[in-house]
């Protein structure tokens, strides 16, 4: 099968590659670029483990062809950390608030939360739960994930994190 030339910016770096037209974006990222943070979960767009940011929108990379990403800017979990290598507030929040257990959903969850906080820097708990509803976690029950995102929102706003009274 003939390959197609694509040009994408991934985590701030320009990438030019030849890909088969049927190559899924998740496979291009993981196999061709060795970016193994986005996970392959259900391969049907239901679980969200493959979530990446494409031109400012969260997408499920398991249902998008790499050729469809031509000319776009992609951010994966590997590109979320701060430029100096320190953890992004979301990554720190997941660590501090115990927002992960097995970690399988975490890259997609953080990448989705990254876009959510770009769209809504101070979301309510309900807005967070709605915003991450396309990402499934089978371990945590979501409470600590929500707290991690609230922690990050507070840190990014420069205010102290205060947990809601239960």
Protein backbone atom coordinates (compact mmCIF):
# COMPACT_ATOMS: atom_id res chain seq x y z
CA UNK A 1 0.00 0.00 0.00
CA UNK A 2 1.31 3.44 -0.90
CA UNK A 3 2.29 5.65 1.99
CA UNK A 4 1.16 9.23 2.49
CA UNK A 5 3.34 12.09 3.68
CA UNK A 6 2.08 13.86 6.79
CA UNK A 7 3.44 16.78 8.74
CA UNK A 8 2.36 17.30 12.36
CA UNK A 9 3.63 19.13 15.39
CA UNK A 10 3.75 16.72 18.32
CA UNK A 11 4.48 18.06 21.79
CA UNK A 12 6.06 21.13 20.24
CA UNK A 13 8.29 19.25 17.77
CA UNK A 14 7.74 19.17 14.03
CA UNK A 15 7.37 15.63 12.67
CA UNK A 16 7.32 14.69 8.99
CA UNK A 17 6.53 11.06 8.27
CA UNK A 18 5.30 8.60 5.70
CA UNK A 19 2.31 6.59 6.94
CA UNK A 20 -0.04 4.05 5.49
CA UNK A 21 -3.47 5.66 5.02
CA UNK A 22 -5.07 3.07 7.32
CA UNK A 23 -2.68 3.72 10.24
CA UNK A 24 -4.56 4.91 13.29
CA UNK A 25 -3.23 7.97 15.05
CA UNK A 26 -2.73 5.98 18.28
CA UNK A 27 -0.49 3.50 16.43
CA UNK A 28 1.45 6.29 14.73
CA UNK A 29 2.09 7.97 18.09
CA UNK A 30 3.02 4.77 19.93
CA UNK A 31 4.83 2.79 17.25
CA UNK A 32 6.34 5.38 14.93
CA UNK A 33 7.07 8.14 17.46
CA UNK A 34 7.58 5.93 20.56
CA UNK A 35 5.12 8.04 22.56
CA UNK A 36 3.65 5.27 24.67
CA UNK A 37 1.82 7.49 27.16
CA UNK A 38 -1.49 7.36 25.29
CA UNK A 39 -2.78 3.84 25.82
CA UNK A 40 -4.72 1.50 23.59
CA UNK A 41 -7.77 0.43 25.53
CA UNK A 42 -11.07 -0.44 23.91
CA UNK A 43 -10.22 0.66 20.35
CA UNK A 44 -13.83 1.86 19.98
CA UNK A 45 -13.55 5.36 21.54
CA UNK A 46 -15.45 4.36 24.69
CA UNK A 47 -12.71 4.23 27.34
CA UNK A 48 -10.64 7.37 26.61
CA UNK A 49 -7.25 5.81 27.42
CA UNK A 50 -6.00 7.06 24.04
CA UNK A 51 -7.14 10.67 24.51
CA UNK A 52 -4.81 13.28 23.02
CA UNK A 53 -5.22 16.98 22.29
CA UNK A 54 -5.43 17.88 18.59
CA UNK A 55 -5.62 21.56 17.69
CA UNK A 56 -7.19 22.39 21.02
CA UNK A 57 -9.72 19.57 21.13
CA UNK A 58 -9.68 16.29 23.01
CA UNK A 59 -9.89 13.39 20.60
CA UNK A 60 -9.75 9.63 20.90
CA UNK A 61 -6.67 8.64 18.89
CA UNK A 62 -7.95 5.08 18.37
CA UNK A 63 -10.64 6.26 15.97
CA UNK A 64 -8.69 8.85 13.97
CA UNK A 65 -6.33 8.05 11.13
CA UNK A 66 -2.85 9.52 11.24
CA UNK A 67 -3.41 11.08 7.80
CA UNK A 68 -6.36 13.00 9.28
CA UNK A 69 -3.90 14.65 11.67
CA UNK A 70 -1.82 16.12 8.83
CA UNK A 71 -1.15 19.80 9.52
CA UNK A 72 -2.31 19.66 13.13
CA UNK A 73 -0.71 20.25 16.50
CA UNK A 74 -0.94 17.28 18.87
CA UNK A 75 -0.29 17.19 22.61
CA UNK A 76 0.09 13.84 24.36
CA UNK A 77 0.67 13.18 28.04
CA UNK A 78 4.40 13.42 27.29
CA UNK A 79 3.86 17.06 26.29
CA UNK A 80 1.83 18.09 29.34
CA UNK A 81 4.77 18.62 31.73
CA UNK A 82 6.17 22.12 32.09
CA UNK A 83 8.96 23.11 29.66
CA UNK A 84 11.54 22.82 32.46
CA UNK A 85 10.51 19.20 33.03
CA UNK A 86 8.62 19.79 36.26
CA UNK A 87 5.18 18.31 36.64
CA UNK A 88 2.18 20.19 35.30
CA UNK A 89 -0.35 21.10 38.01
CA UNK A 90 -2.58 18.24 36.79
CA UNK A 91 0.20 15.68 37.07
CA UNK A 92 1.03 17.01 40.51
CA UNK A 93 -2.65 16.93 41.45
CA UNK A 94 -3.02 13.30 40.44
CA UNK A 95 0.01 12.47 42.58
CA UNK A 96 -1.00 14.56 45.59
CA UNK A 97 -4.70 13.67 45.58
CA UNK A 98 -4.15 9.97 44.77
CA UNK A 99 -6.01 10.30 41.48
CA UNK A 100 -4.66 7.06 40.10
CA UNK A 101 -4.40 3.45 41.05
CA UNK A 102 -3.41 1.17 38.20
CA UNK A 103 -2.57 4.18 36.03
CA UNK A 104 -3.94 2.81 32.77
CA UNK A 105 -6.51 5.60 32.28
CA UNK A 106 -4.29 8.32 33.73
CA UNK A 107 -2.59 9.64 30.55
CA UNK A 108 -5.92 10.04 28.75
CA UNK A 109 -7.61 11.39 31.86
CA UNK A 110 -4.91 14.02 32.42
CA UNK A 111 -4.85 15.00 28.75
CA UNK A 112 -8.64 15.42 28.77
CA UNK A 113 -8.48 17.38 32.04
CA UNK A 114 -5.79 19.60 30.50
CA UNK A 115 -8.18 20.63 27.74
CA UNK A 116 -11.07 20.95 30.21
CA UNK A 117 -9.07 23.45 32.28
CA UNK A 118 -8.15 25.36 29.10
CA UNK A 119 -11.86 25.65 28.29
CA UNK A 120 -13.02 26.26 31.87
CA UNK A 121 -10.23 27.24 34.31
CA UNK A 122 -12.49 27.07 37.40
CA UNK A 123 -14.93 24.22 36.81
CA UNK A 124 -17.41 23.06 39.41
CA UNK A 125 -17.40 19.44 40.53
CA UNK A 126 -20.34 18.72 38.22
CA UNK A 127 -18.54 20.39 35.29
CA UNK A 128 -15.44 18.28 35.97
CA UNK A 129 -17.48 15.08 36.13
CA UNK A 130 -19.25 15.98 32.88
CA UNK A 131 -15.97 17.07 31.26
CA UNK A 132 -14.22 13.76 31.92
CA UNK A 133 -17.26 11.59 31.28
CA UNK A 134 -15.75 10.21 28.07
CA UNK A 135 -12.82 8.74 30.01
CA UNK A 136 -13.38 5.59 32.03
CA UNK A 137 -11.48 4.63 35.18
CA UNK A 138 -12.09 1.15 36.50
CA UNK A 139 -10.20 1.61 39.78
CA UNK A 140 -10.75 4.87 41.61
CA UNK A 141 -14.44 5.67 41.70
CA UNK A 142 -13.53 9.12 40.29
CA UNK A 143 -13.63 11.06 43.57
CA UNK A 144 -9.84 11.40 43.76
CA UNK A 145 -9.64 12.19 40.06
CA UNK A 146 -12.11 15.04 40.56
CA UNK A 147 -10.10 16.24 43.59
CA UNK A 148 -6.90 16.10 41.50
CA UNK A 149 -8.47 18.32 38.83
CA UNK A 150 -9.79 20.71 41.48
CA UNK A 151 -6.29 20.82 43.00
CA UNK A 152 -4.80 21.65 39.58
CA UNK A 153 -7.41 24.33 38.87
CA UNK A 154 -6.61 26.01 42.18
CA UNK A 155 -2.86 25.78 41.63
CA UNK A 156 -3.12 27.20 38.10
CA UNK A 157 -5.26 30.06 39.45
CA UNK A 158 -2.70 30.73 42.18
CA UNK A 159 -5.11 30.09 45.01
CA UNK A 160 -4.85 27.52 47.80
CA UNK A 161 -6.70 24.26 47.23
CA UNK A 162 -9.57 23.82 49.63
CA UNK A 163 -11.47 20.59 49.66
CA UNK A 164 -15.22 20.84 49.78
CA UNK A 165 -16.84 19.82 53.05
CA UNK A 166 -18.52 16.45 52.81
